[in-house]
PDB file of all heavy atoms in Angstrom:
ATOM      1  N   SER A   1       1.367  -3.053  27.882  1.00  0.00           N
ATOM      2  CA  SER A   1       2.245  -3.887  28.647  1.00  0.00           C
ATOM      3  C   SER A   1       3.551  -3.245  28.870  1.00  0.00           C
ATOM      4  O   SER A   1       4.017  -2.399  28.020  1.00  0.00           O
ATOM      5  CB  SER A   1       2.397  -5.297  27.984  1.00  0.00           C
ATOM      6  OG  SER A   1       3.374  -6.006  28.491  1.00  0.00           O
ATOM      7  N   GLY A   2       4.222  -3.582  29.895  1.00  0.00           N
ATOM      8  CA  GLY A   2       5.681  -3.146  30.081  1.00  0.00           C
ATOM      9  C   GLY A   2       6.495  -3.894  29.239  1.00  0.00           C
ATOM     10  O   GLY A   2       7.837  -3.500  29.259  1.00  0.00           O
ATOM     11  N   GLU A   3       6.177  -4.887  28.477  1.00  0.00           N
ATOM     12  CA  GLU A   3       7.102  -5.651  27.746  1.00  0.00           C
ATOM     13  C   GLU A   3       7.347  -5.220  26.322  1.00  0.00           C
ATOM     14  O   GLU A   3       8.046  -5.803  25.525  1.00  0.00           O
ATOM     15  CB  GLU A   3       6.654  -7.159  27.654  1.00  0.00           C
ATOM     16  CG  GLU A   3       6.385  -7.775  28.968  1.00  0.00           C
ATOM     17  CD  GLU A   3       7.691  -7.929  29.792  1.00  0.00           C
ATOM     18  OE1 GLU A   3       8.802  -8.092  29.072  1.00  0.00           O
ATOM     19  OE2 GLU A   3       7.699  -7.813  31.035  1.00  0.00           O
ATOM     20  N   GLY A   4       6.721  -4.068  25.950  1.00  0.00           N
ATOM     21  CA  GLY A   4       6.849  -3.508  24.657  1.00  0.00           C
ATOM     22  C   GLY A   4       5.560  -3.908  23.771  1.00  0.00           C
ATOM     23  O   GLY A   4       4.555  -4.429  24.305  1.00  0.00           O
ATOM     24  N   ALA A   5       5.587  -3.664  22.538  1.00  0.00           N
ATOM     25  CA  ALA A   5       4.445  -3.927  21.742  1.00  0.00           C
ATOM     26  C   ALA A   5       4.903  -4.412  20.395  1.00  0.00           C
ATOM     27  O   ALA A   5       5.901  -4.059  19.884  1.00  0.00           O
ATOM     28  CB  ALA A   5       3.552  -2.603  21.553  1.00  0.00           C
ATOM     29  N   ALA A   6       3.993  -5.248  19.746  1.00  0.00           N
ATOM     30  CA  ALA A   6       4.352  -5.715  18.440  1.00  0.00           C
ATOM     31  C   ALA A   6       3.528  -4.958  17.380  1.00  0.00           C
ATOM     32  O   ALA A   6       2.435  -4.533  17.581  1.00  0.00           O
ATOM     33  CB  ALA A   6       3.841  -7.214  18.381  1.00  0.00           C
ATOM     34  N   GLY A   7       4.178  -4.803  16.189  1.00  0.00           N
ATOM     35  CA  GLY A   7       3.434  -4.084  15.020  1.00  0.00           C
ATOM     36  C   GLY A   7       4.050  -4.472  13.771  1.00  0.00           C
ATOM     37  O   GLY A   7       4.888  -5.417  13.720  1.00  0.00           O
ATOM     38  N   GLU A   8       3.736  -3.748  12.749  1.00  0.00           N
ATOM     39  CA  GLU A   8       4.215  -4.098  11.407  1.00  0.00           C
ATOM     40  C   GLU A   8       5.722  -3.634  11.360  1.00  0.00           C
ATOM     41  O   GLU A   8       6.551  -4.416  10.860  1.00  0.00           O
ATOM     42  CB  GLU A   8       3.459  -3.151  10.365  1.00  0.00           C
ATOM     43  CG  GLU A   8       2.087  -3.513  10.254  1.00  0.00           C
ATOM     44  CD  GLU A   8       1.231  -2.516   9.474  1.00  0.00           C
ATOM     45  OE1 GLU A   8       1.745  -1.448   9.211  1.00  0.00           O
ATOM     46  OE2 GLU A   8       0.074  -2.761   9.187  1.00  0.00           O
ATOM     47  N   GLY A   9       6.006  -2.534  11.931  1.00  0.00           N
ATOM     48  CA  GLY A   9       7.444  -2.082  11.774  1.00  0.00           C
ATOM     49  C   GLY A   9       7.821  -1.553  10.448  1.00  0.00           C
ATOM     50  O   GLY A   9       7.039  -1.963   9.422  1.00  0.00           O
ATOM     51  N   PRO A  10       8.753  -0.705  10.196  1.00  0.00           N
ATOM     52  CA  PRO A  10       9.108  -0.190   8.923  1.00  0.00           C
ATOM     53  C   PRO A  10       9.747  -1.317   8.053  1.00  0.00           C
ATOM     54  O   PRO A  10      10.268  -2.212   8.626  1.00  0.00           O
ATOM     55  CB  PRO A  10      10.077   0.907   9.217  1.00  0.00           C
ATOM     56  CG  PRO A  10      10.658   0.585  10.484  1.00  0.00           C
ATOM     57  CD  PRO A  10       9.603  -0.147  11.325  1.00  0.00           C
ATOM     58  N   GLY A  11       9.568  -1.154   6.757  1.00  0.00           N
ATOM     59  CA  GLY A  11      10.100  -2.169   5.893  1.00  0.00           C
ATOM     60  C   GLY A  11       9.664  -1.882   4.428  1.00  0.00           C
ATOM     61  O   GLY A  11       8.793  -1.111   4.148  1.00  0.00           O
ATOM     62  N   GLY A  12      10.460  -2.520   3.395  1.00  0.00           N
ATOM     63  CA  GLY A  12      10.106  -2.255   2.072  1.00  0.00           C
ATOM     64  C   GLY A  12      10.538  -0.885   1.683  1.00  0.00           C
ATOM     65  O   GLY A  12      11.375  -0.124   2.223  1.00  0.00           O
ATOM     66  N   ILE A  13       9.879  -0.379   0.693  1.00  0.00           N
ATOM     67  CA  ILE A  13      10.120   0.955   0.120  1.00  0.00           C
ATOM     68  C   ILE A  13       9.166   1.886   0.827  1.00  0.00           C
ATOM     69  O   ILE A  13       7.953   1.758   0.962  1.00  0.00           O
ATOM     70  CB  ILE A  13       9.712   1.031  -1.378  1.00  0.00           C
ATOM     71  CG1 ILE A  13      10.561  -0.095  -2.185  1.00  0.00           C
ATOM     72  CG2 ILE A  13       9.887   2.320  -2.037  1.00  0.00           C
ATOM     73  CD1 ILE A  13      10.005  -0.375  -3.553  1.00  0.00           C
ATOM     74  N   SER A  14       9.797   3.025   1.446  1.00  0.00           N
ATOM     75  CA  SER A  14       9.102   3.872   2.182  1.00  0.00           C
ATOM     76  C   SER A  14       8.460   5.030   1.251  1.00  0.00           C
ATOM     77  O   SER A  14       9.228   5.704   0.458  1.00  0.00           O
ATOM     78  CB  SER A  14       9.818   4.551   3.281  1.00  0.00           C
ATOM     79  OG  SER A  14       9.172   5.522   3.978  1.00  0.00           O
ATOM     80  N   PHE A  15       7.138   5.205   1.233  1.00  0.00           N
ATOM     81  CA  PHE A  15       6.523   6.379   0.550  1.00  0.00           C
ATOM     82  C   PHE A  15       5.315   6.818   1.423  1.00  0.00           C
ATOM     83  O   PHE A  15       4.360   6.139   1.579  1.00  0.00           O
ATOM     84  CB  PHE A  15       6.030   5.802  -0.809  1.00  0.00           C
ATOM     85  CG  PHE A  15       5.564   6.784  -1.729  1.00  0.00           C
ATOM     86  CD1 PHE A  15       6.470   7.898  -2.057  1.00  0.00           C
ATOM     87  CD2 PHE A  15       4.243   6.884  -2.213  1.00  0.00           C
ATOM     88  CE1 PHE A  15       6.065   8.838  -3.036  1.00  0.00           C
ATOM     89  CE2 PHE A  15       3.848   7.853  -3.148  1.00  0.00           C
ATOM     90  CZ  PHE A  15       4.776   8.878  -3.499  1.00  0.00           C
ATOM     91  N   THR A  16       5.596   7.974   2.049  1.00  0.00           N
ATOM     92  CA  THR A  16       4.648   8.418   3.138  1.00  0.00           C
ATOM     93  C   THR A  16       3.300   8.757   2.704  1.00  0.00           C
ATOM     94  O   THR A  16       3.050   9.004   1.541  1.00  0.00           O
ATOM     95  CB  THR A  16       5.318   9.590   3.800  1.00  0.00           C
ATOM     96  OG1 THR A  16       5.344  10.773   3.047  1.00  0.00           O
ATOM     97  CG2 THR A  16       6.801   9.190   4.309  1.00  0.00           C
ATOM     98  N   LYS A  17       2.423   8.925   3.633  1.00  0.00           N
ATOM     99  CA  LYS A  17       1.037   9.285   3.260  1.00  0.00           C
ATOM    100  C   LYS A  17       1.035  10.773   2.657  1.00  0.00           C
ATOM    101  O   LYS A  17       0.264  10.960   1.762  1.00  0.00           O
ATOM    102  CB  LYS A  17       0.115   9.135   4.466  1.00  0.00           C
ATOM    103  CG  LYS A  17       0.066   7.764   5.110  1.00  0.00           C
ATOM    104  CD  LYS A  17      -0.240   6.669   4.201  1.00  0.00           C
ATOM    105  CE  LYS A  17      -1.612   6.806   3.465  1.00  0.00           C
ATOM    106  NZ  LYS A  17      -1.821   5.617   2.520  1.00  0.00           N
ATOM    107  N   GLU A  18       1.773  11.639   3.253  1.00  0.00           N
ATOM    108  CA  GLU A  18       1.829  12.919   2.736  1.00  0.00           C
ATOM    109  C   GLU A  18       2.224  13.077   1.321  1.00  0.00           C
ATOM    110  O   GLU A  18       1.706  13.718   0.508  1.00  0.00           O
ATOM    111  CB  GLU A  18       2.753  13.872   3.624  1.00  0.00           C
ATOM    112  CG  GLU A  18       2.171  14.125   4.986  1.00  0.00           C
ATOM    113  CD  GLU A  18       2.672  13.047   6.042  1.00  0.00           C
ATOM    114  OE1 GLU A  18       3.120  11.935   5.584  1.00  0.00           O
ATOM    115  OE2 GLU A  18       2.614  13.298   7.211  1.00  0.00           O
ATOM    116  N   GLN A  19       3.263  12.162   0.980  1.00  0.00           N
ATOM    117  CA  GLN A  19       3.762  12.022  -0.417  1.00  0.00           C
ATOM    118  C   GLN A  19       2.685  11.477  -1.271  1.00  0.00           C
ATOM    119  O   GLN A  19       2.369  11.888  -2.493  1.00  0.00           O
ATOM    120  CB  GLN A  19       5.022  11.241  -0.542  1.00  0.00           C
ATOM    121  CG  GLN A  19       6.228  11.897   0.211  1.00  0.00           C
ATOM    122  CD  GLN A  19       7.390  10.934   0.351  1.00  0.00           C
ATOM    123  OE1 GLN A  19       7.176   9.716   0.623  1.00  0.00           O
ATOM    124  NE2 GLN A  19       8.592  11.435   0.222  1.00  0.00           N
ATOM    125  N   GLN A  20       1.939  10.481  -0.907  1.00  0.00           N
ATOM    126  CA  GLN A  20       0.833   9.787  -1.702  1.00  0.00           C
ATOM    127  C   GLN A  20      -0.347  10.786  -1.870  1.00  0.00           C
ATOM    128  O   GLN A  20      -0.730  10.893  -3.004  1.00  0.00           O
ATOM    129  CB  GLN A  20       0.249   8.610  -0.888  1.00  0.00           C
ATOM    130  CG  GLN A  20       1.349   7.464  -0.698  1.00  0.00           C
ATOM    131  CD  GLN A  20       0.786   6.369   0.222  1.00  0.00           C
ATOM    132  OE1 GLN A  20      -0.451   6.087   0.203  1.00  0.00           O
ATOM    133  NE2 GLN A  20       1.689   5.766   1.054  1.00  0.00           N
ATOM    134  N   TRP A  21      -0.677  11.504  -0.964  1.00  0.00           N
ATOM    135  CA  TRP A  21      -1.734  12.550  -1.010  1.00  0.00           C
ATOM    136  C   TRP A  21      -1.385  13.743  -1.922  1.00  0.00           C
ATOM    137  O   TRP A  21      -2.311  14.345  -2.499  1.00  0.00           O
ATOM    138  CB  TRP A  21      -2.080  13.063   0.315  1.00  0.00           C
ATOM    139  CG  TRP A  21      -2.680  12.122   1.219  1.00  0.00           C
ATOM    140  CD1 TRP A  21      -3.130  10.940   1.072  1.00  0.00           C
ATOM    141  CD2 TRP A  21      -2.802  12.272   2.778  1.00  0.00           C
ATOM    142  NE1 TRP A  21      -3.530  10.270   2.166  1.00  0.00           N
ATOM    143  CE2 TRP A  21      -3.362  11.175   3.238  1.00  0.00           C
ATOM    144  CE3 TRP A  21      -2.379  13.296   3.670  1.00  0.00           C
ATOM    145  CZ2 TRP A  21      -3.603  10.844   4.621  1.00  0.00           C
ATOM    146  CZ3 TRP A  21      -2.624  13.117   4.973  1.00  0.00           C
ATOM    147  CH2 TRP A  21      -3.243  11.866   5.504  1.00  0.00           C
ATOM    148  N   ALA A  22      -0.051  13.996  -2.157  1.00  0.00           N
ATOM    149  CA  ALA A  22       0.395  15.176  -2.867  1.00  0.00           C
ATOM    150  C   ALA A  22       0.325  14.886  -4.385  1.00  0.00           C
ATOM    151  O   ALA A  22       0.597  15.853  -5.151  1.00  0.00           O
ATOM    152  CB  ALA A  22       1.627  15.659  -2.360  1.00  0.00           C
ATOM    153  N   VAL A  23       0.340  13.543  -4.880  1.00  0.00           N
ATOM    154  CA  VAL A  23       0.346  13.317  -6.222  1.00  0.00           C
ATOM    155  C   VAL A  23      -0.793  12.449  -6.689  1.00  0.00           C
ATOM    156  O   VAL A  23      -1.703  12.140  -5.943  1.00  0.00           O
ATOM    157  CB  VAL A  23       1.714  12.448  -6.471  1.00  0.00           C
ATOM    158  CG1 VAL A  23       2.976  13.238  -6.146  1.00  0.00           C
ATOM    159  CG2 VAL A  23       1.667  11.167  -5.742  1.00  0.00           C
ATOM    160  N   ASP A  24      -0.908  12.208  -8.085  1.00  0.00           N
ATOM    161  CA  ASP A  24      -1.862  11.426  -8.583  1.00  0.00           C
ATOM    162  C   ASP A  24      -1.643   9.998  -8.290  1.00  0.00           C
ATOM    163  O   ASP A  24      -0.679   9.369  -8.978  1.00  0.00           O
ATOM    164  CB  ASP A  24      -1.983  11.724 -10.096  1.00  0.00           C
ATOM    165  CG  ASP A  24      -3.253  10.934 -10.737  1.00  0.00           C
ATOM    166  OD1 ASP A  24      -4.024  10.520  -9.993  1.00  0.00           O
ATOM    167  OD2 ASP A  24      -3.062  10.802 -12.008  1.00  0.00           O
ATOM    168  N   PHE A  25      -2.297   9.518  -7.282  1.00  0.00           N
ATOM    169  CA  PHE A  25      -1.848   8.191  -6.718  1.00  0.00           C
ATOM    170  C   PHE A  25      -3.164   7.364  -6.578  1.00  0.00           C
ATOM    171  O   PHE A  25      -4.174   7.867  -6.191  1.00  0.00           O
ATOM    172  CB  PHE A  25      -1.146   8.383  -5.386  1.00  0.00           C
ATOM    173  CG  PHE A  25      -0.423   7.154  -4.918  1.00  0.00           C
ATOM    174  CD1 PHE A  25       0.730   6.773  -5.367  1.00  0.00           C
ATOM    175  CD2 PHE A  25      -1.044   6.438  -3.854  1.00  0.00           C
ATOM    176  CE1 PHE A  25       1.408   5.652  -4.907  1.00  0.00           C
ATOM    177  CE2 PHE A  25      -0.355   5.388  -3.231  1.00  0.00           C
ATOM    178  CZ  PHE A  25       0.846   4.969  -3.824  1.00  0.00           C
ATOM    179  N   MET A  26      -3.032   6.032  -6.813  1.00  0.00           N
ATOM    180  CA  MET A  26      -4.111   5.075  -6.659  1.00  0.00           C
ATOM    181  C   MET A  26      -3.668   3.750  -6.405  1.00  0.00           C
ATOM    182  O   MET A  26      -2.671   3.248  -7.082  1.00  0.00           O
ATOM    183  CB  MET A  26      -5.038   5.078  -8.009  1.00  0.00           C
ATOM    184  CG  MET A  26      -6.277   4.261  -7.835  1.00  0.00           C
ATOM    185  SD  MET A  26      -7.349   4.729  -6.410  1.00  0.00           S
ATOM    186  CE  MET A  26      -7.874   6.375  -6.928  1.00  0.00           C
ATOM    187  N   VAL A  27      -4.286   3.063  -5.449  1.00  0.00           N
ATOM    188  CA  VAL A  27      -3.989   1.662  -5.066  1.00  0.00           C
ATOM    189  C   VAL A  27      -5.381   0.847  -5.280  1.00  0.00           C
ATOM    190  O   VAL A  27      -6.451   1.222  -4.793  1.00  0.00           O
ATOM    191  CB  VAL A  27      -3.483   1.549  -3.649  1.00  0.00           C
ATOM    192  CG1 VAL A  27      -3.359   0.074  -3.231  1.00  0.00           C
ATOM    193  CG2 VAL A  27      -2.182   2.250  -3.516  1.00  0.00           C
ATOM    194  N   ARG A  28      -5.327  -0.302  -5.991  1.00  0.00           N
ATOM    195  CA  ARG A  28      -6.445  -1.083  -6.267  1.00  0.00           C
ATOM    196  C   ARG A  28      -6.062  -2.499  -6.186  1.00  0.00           C
ATOM    197  O   ARG A  28      -4.899  -2.921  -6.545  1.00  0.00           O
ATOM    198  CB  ARG A  28      -7.077  -0.872  -7.557  1.00  0.00           C
ATOM    199  CG  ARG A  28      -7.805   0.538  -7.678  1.00  0.00           C
ATOM    200  CD  ARG A  28      -9.092   0.417  -6.959  1.00  0.00           C
ATOM    201  NE  ARG A  28      -9.930   1.572  -7.105  1.00  0.00           N
ATOM    202  CZ  ARG A  28      -9.875   2.598  -6.267  1.00  0.00           C
ATOM    203  NH1 ARG A  28      -9.111   2.591  -5.108  1.00  0.00           N
ATOM    204  NH2 ARG A  28     -10.726   3.746  -6.403  1.00  0.00           N
ATOM    205  N   GLN A  29      -7.000  -3.354  -5.839  1.00  0.00           N
ATOM    206  CA  GLN A  29      -6.675  -4.801  -5.848  1.00  0.00           C
ATOM    207  C   GLN A  29      -7.101  -5.322  -7.224  1.00  0.00           C
ATOM    208  O   GLN A  29      -7.910  -4.827  -7.942  1.00  0.00           O
ATOM    209  CB  GLN A  29      -7.690  -5.497  -4.828  1.00  0.00           C
ATOM    210  CG  GLN A  29      -7.294  -5.228  -3.460  1.00  0.00           C
ATOM    211  CD  GLN A  29      -8.357  -5.779  -2.452  1.00  0.00           C
ATOM    212  OE1 GLN A  29      -9.388  -5.307  -2.308  1.00  0.00           O
ATOM    213  NE2 GLN A  29      -7.859  -6.786  -1.569  1.00  0.00           N
ATOM    214  N   PRO A  30      -6.296  -6.292  -7.702  1.00  0.00           N
ATOM    215  CA  PRO A  30      -6.552  -6.956  -9.089  1.00  0.00           C
ATOM    216  C   PRO A  30      -8.037  -7.419  -9.136  1.00  0.00           C
ATOM    217  O   PRO A  30      -8.640  -7.742  -8.233  1.00  0.00           O
ATOM    218  CB  PRO A  30      -5.626  -8.086  -9.116  1.00  0.00           C
ATOM    219  CG  PRO A  30      -4.526  -7.601  -8.152  1.00  0.00           C
ATOM    220  CD  PRO A  30      -5.188  -7.051  -7.112  1.00  0.00           C
ATOM    221  N   ASP A  31      -8.469  -7.275 -10.411  1.00  0.00           N
ATOM    222  CA  ASP A  31      -9.939  -7.699 -10.719  1.00  0.00           C
ATOM    223  C   ASP A  31      -9.962  -9.161 -11.334  1.00  0.00           C
ATOM    224  O   ASP A  31      -8.917  -9.523 -11.944  1.00  0.00           O
ATOM    225  CB  ASP A  31     -10.524  -6.825 -11.764  1.00  0.00           C
ATOM    226  CG  ASP A  31     -10.853  -5.347 -11.139  1.00  0.00           C
ATOM    227  OD1 ASP A  31     -11.065  -5.341  -9.929  1.00  0.00           O
ATOM    228  OD2 ASP A  31     -10.772  -4.422 -12.019  1.00  0.00           O
ATOM    229  N   LYS A  32     -11.020  -9.758 -11.144  1.00  0.00           N
ATOM    230  CA  LYS A  32     -11.343 -11.064 -11.770  1.00  0.00           C
ATOM    231  C   LYS A  32     -12.330 -10.669 -12.929  1.00  0.00           C
ATOM    232  O   LYS A  32     -13.425 -10.399 -12.580  1.00  0.00           O
ATOM    233  CB  LYS A  32     -11.830 -12.108 -10.858  1.00  0.00           C
ATOM    234  CG  LYS A  32     -10.733 -12.929 -10.186  1.00  0.00           C
ATOM    235  CD  LYS A  32     -10.283 -14.090 -11.046  1.00  0.00           C
ATOM    236  CE  LYS A  32      -9.341 -14.988 -10.146  1.00  0.00           C
ATOM    237  NZ  LYS A  32      -8.824 -16.095 -11.059  1.00  0.00           N
ATOM    238  N   ARG A  33     -11.921 -10.811 -14.164  1.00  0.00           N
ATOM    239  CA  ARG A  33     -12.816 -10.465 -15.172  1.00  0.00           C
ATOM    240  C   ARG A  33     -12.478 -11.090 -16.519  1.00  0.00           C
ATOM    241  O   ARG A  33     -11.342 -11.589 -16.675  1.00  0.00           O
ATOM    242  CB  ARG A  33     -12.830  -8.952 -15.417  1.00  0.00           C
ATOM    243  CG  ARG A  33     -11.431  -8.390 -15.655  1.00  0.00           C
ATOM    244  CD  ARG A  33     -11.353  -6.846 -15.650  1.00  0.00           C
ATOM    245  NE  ARG A  33     -12.167  -6.286 -16.787  1.00  0.00           N
ATOM    246  CZ  ARG A  33     -12.080  -5.010 -17.051  1.00  0.00           C
ATOM    247  NH1 ARG A  33     -11.474  -4.163 -16.231  1.00  0.00           N
ATOM    248  NH2 ARG A  33     -12.742  -4.497 -18.111  1.00  0.00           N
ATOM    249  N   ALA A  34     -13.338 -11.101 -17.462  1.00  0.00           N
ATOM    250  CA  ALA A  34     -13.134 -11.467 -18.851  1.00  0.00           C
ATOM    251  C   ALA A  34     -12.093 -10.527 -19.534  1.00  0.00           C
ATOM    252  O   ALA A  34     -12.316  -9.315 -19.339  1.00  0.00           O
ATOM    253  CB  ALA A  34     -14.356 -11.740 -19.645  1.00  0.00           C
ATOM    254  N   VAL A  35     -11.213 -11.077 -20.243  1.00  0.00           N
ATOM    255  CA  VAL A  35     -10.263 -10.184 -20.881  1.00  0.00           C
ATOM    256  C   VAL A  35     -10.090 -10.748 -22.390  1.00  0.00           C
ATOM    257  O   VAL A  35     -10.018 -11.915 -22.588  1.00  0.00           O
ATOM    258  CB  VAL A  35      -8.838 -10.132 -20.218  1.00  0.00           C
ATOM    259  CG1 VAL A  35      -8.233 -11.559 -20.176  1.00  0.00           C
ATOM    260  CG2 VAL A  35      -7.921  -9.238 -20.845  1.00  0.00           C
ATOM    261  N   VAL A  36     -10.038  -9.786 -23.284  1.00  0.00           N
ATOM    262  CA  VAL A  36      -9.862 -10.054 -24.663  1.00  0.00           C
ATOM    263  C   VAL A  36      -8.640  -9.250 -25.226  1.00  0.00           C
ATOM    264  O   VAL A  36      -8.576  -8.020 -24.965  1.00  0.00           O
ATOM    265  CB  VAL A  36     -11.144  -9.719 -25.497  1.00  0.00           C
ATOM    266  CG1 VAL A  36     -10.837 -10.011 -26.979  1.00  0.00           C
ATOM    267  CG2 VAL A  36     -12.299 -10.368 -25.016  1.00  0.00           C
ATOM    268  N   GLU A  37      -7.695 -10.025 -25.783  1.00  0.00           N
ATOM    269  CA  GLU A  37      -6.545  -9.299 -26.357  1.00  0.00           C
ATOM    270  C   GLU A  37      -6.699  -8.939 -27.786  1.00  0.00           C
ATOM    271  O   GLU A  37      -7.428  -9.626 -28.617  1.00  0.00           O
ATOM    272  CB  GLU A  37      -5.331 -10.249 -26.323  1.00  0.00           C
ATOM    273  CG  GLU A  37      -4.021  -9.560 -26.727  1.00  0.00           C
ATOM    274  CD  GLU A  37      -2.766 -10.535 -26.475  1.00  0.00           C
ATOM    275  OE1 GLU A  37      -2.736 -11.539 -27.141  1.00  0.00           O
ATOM    276  OE2 GLU A  37      -1.974 -10.156 -25.594  1.00  0.00           O
ATOM    277  N   TYR A  38      -6.373  -7.700 -28.164  1.00  0.00           N
ATOM    278  CA  TYR A  38      -6.556  -7.247 -29.525  1.00  0.00           C
ATOM    279  C   TYR A  38      -5.233  -6.811 -30.099  1.00  0.00           C
ATOM    280  O   TYR A  38      -4.263  -6.678 -29.473  1.00  0.00           O
ATOM    281  CB  TYR A  38      -7.441  -5.982 -29.559  1.00  0.00           C
ATOM    282  CG  TYR A  38      -8.800  -6.143 -29.080  1.00  0.00           C
ATOM    283  CD1 TYR A  38      -9.255  -6.081 -27.773  1.00  0.00           C
ATOM    284  CD2 TYR A  38      -9.876  -6.457 -30.003  1.00  0.00           C
ATOM    285  CE1 TYR A  38     -10.529  -6.228 -27.378  1.00  0.00           C
ATOM    286  CE2 TYR A  38     -11.172  -6.618 -29.620  1.00  0.00           C
ATOM    287  CZ  TYR A  38     -11.471  -6.517 -28.381  1.00  0.00           C
ATOM    288  OH  TYR A  38     -12.828  -6.631 -27.965  1.00  0.00           O
TER     289      TYR A  38
END
């Protein structure tokens, strides 16, 4: 459209993909599981 486009836009803490790929990096969703404290 000639009216522009909507998207996420930058925000929060910036940590680029190249930086993520270069280090030991992992993102996971929290699990639902039984937990026992010791």
